[in-house]
Protein backbone atom coordinates (compact mmCIF):
# COMPACT_ATOMS: atom_id res chain seq x y z
CA UNK A 1 23.44 19.44 -13.16
CA UNK A 2 20.62 19.29 -14.30
CA UNK A 3 19.60 15.94 -11.98
CA UNK A 4 20.74 16.68 -9.59
CA UNK A 5 18.18 19.97 -9.37
CA UNK A 6 15.10 17.51 -9.89
CA UNK A 7 16.23 15.14 -7.04
CA UNK A 8 16.30 18.52 -5.02
CA UNK A 9 12.98 19.77 -5.65
CA UNK A 10 12.11 16.36 -5.70
CA UNK A 11 13.41 15.83 -2.00
CA UNK A 12 11.90 19.46 -0.79
CA UNK A 13 8.76 19.11 -2.91
CA UNK A 14 8.39 16.18 -0.56
CA UNK A 15 9.19 17.24 2.73
CA UNK A 16 6.87 20.48 2.58
CA UNK A 17 3.56 18.38 1.34
CA UNK A 18 4.31 16.16 4.56
CA UNK A 19 5.71 19.29 7.15
CA UNK A 20 1.75 21.08 5.35
CA UNK A 21 0.00 17.78 7.15
CA UNK A 22 1.26 18.35 9.99
CA UNK A 23 0.94 22.13 9.72
CA UNK A 24 -2.86 22.08 8.93
CA UNK A 25 -4.38 19.29 10.90
CA UNK A 26 -4.47 21.03 14.23
CA UNK A 27 -6.09 24.05 12.12
CA UNK A 28 -8.46 21.82 9.70
CA UNK A 29 -11.52 20.17 12.25
CA UNK A 30 -12.91 16.82 9.99
CA UNK A 31 -15.82 15.83 9.70
CA UNK A 32 -17.30 13.53 12.34
CA UNK A 33 -18.00 10.88 9.03
CA UNK A 34 -14.55 10.86 8.45
CA UNK A 35 -13.48 10.44 11.61
CA UNK A 36 -15.68 7.34 12.06
CA UNK A 37 -14.10 6.38 8.25
CA UNK A 38 -10.81 6.84 9.71
CA UNK A 39 -11.11 3.57 11.89
CA UNK A 40 -10.86 1.11 8.24
CA UNK A 41 -7.38 3.09 7.45
CA UNK A 42 -5.46 0.23 8.57
CA UNK A 43 -7.40 -2.64 7.85
CA UNK A 44 -7.58 -1.30 4.16
CA UNK A 45 -3.57 -0.48 4.22
CA UNK A 46 -3.19 -4.50 5.68
CA UNK A 47 -5.53 -6.10 2.64
CA UNK A 48 -3.63 -3.55 0.15
CA UNK A 49 -0.54 -5.40 1.21
CA UNK A 50 -1.69 -9.52 1.25
CA UNK A 51 -3.40 -8.47 -1.98
CA UNK A 52 -0.09 -7.14 -3.47
CA UNK A 53 1.48 -10.30 -2.19
CA UNK A 54 -1.18 -12.55 -4.02
CA UNK A 55 -0.87 -10.77 -6.80
CA UNK A 56 3.32 -10.99 -7.63
CA UNK A 57 3.45 -14.92 -6.37
CA UNK A 58 1.09 -15.87 -8.88
CA UNK A 59 2.55 -13.66 -11.49
CA UNK A 60 6.27 -15.28 -10.34
CA UNK A 61 4.34 -18.84 -10.94
CA UNK A 62 2.82 -18.28 -13.68
CA UNK A 63 6.31 -16.52 -15.54
CA UNK A 64 8.53 -19.74 -14.54
CA UNK A 65 5.92 -22.19 -15.47
CA UNK A 66 3.71 -20.43 -18.41
CA UNK A 67 0.26 -21.58 -17.11
CA UNK A 68 -2.39 -19.82 -15.61
CA UNK A 69 -3.36 -22.41 -13.34
CA UNK A 70 -0.33 -22.44 -11.59
CA UNK A 71 -1.32 -18.63 -10.42
CA UNK A 72 -4.36 -20.36 -8.55
CA UNK A 73 -1.61 -22.94 -6.59
CA UNK A 74 0.75 -20.90 -5.89
CA UNK A 75 -1.77 -17.80 -4.91
CA UNK A 76 -4.49 -19.77 -3.10
CA UNK A 77 -2.20 -20.65 -0.11
CA UNK A 78 0.13 -17.37 -0.19
CA UNK A 79 -3.36 -16.21 0.84
CA UNK A 80 -4.52 -18.43 3.17
CA UNK A 81 -1.56 -17.87 5.30
CA UNK A 82 -1.38 -14.12 4.76
CA UNK A 83 -4.61 -14.29 6.43
CA UNK A 84 -3.93 -16.65 8.53
CA UNK A 85 -0.98 -13.96 9.97
CA UNK A 86 -2.45 -10.53 9.50
CA UNK A 87 -4.86 -9.58 12.85
CA UNK A 88 -8.82 -9.68 12.62
């Protein structure tokens, strides 16, 4: 029973947090410096996704081979492919 209470409470808390951002959007003015910086959110998100993919590929290569050089041999091509596929 307590597991379900935790799940429902977490879901409700998450929903209320997202709802509060929607409600506060119309009431809070954003400073111009933050408005300019918000244009960098999308490139930063793509960079985070790409780096996570490179790190995951490198970790898998090292775990499978036991060689740290495998991280470079696998990570660099993954980085190049990811860079080529992401919009610039």
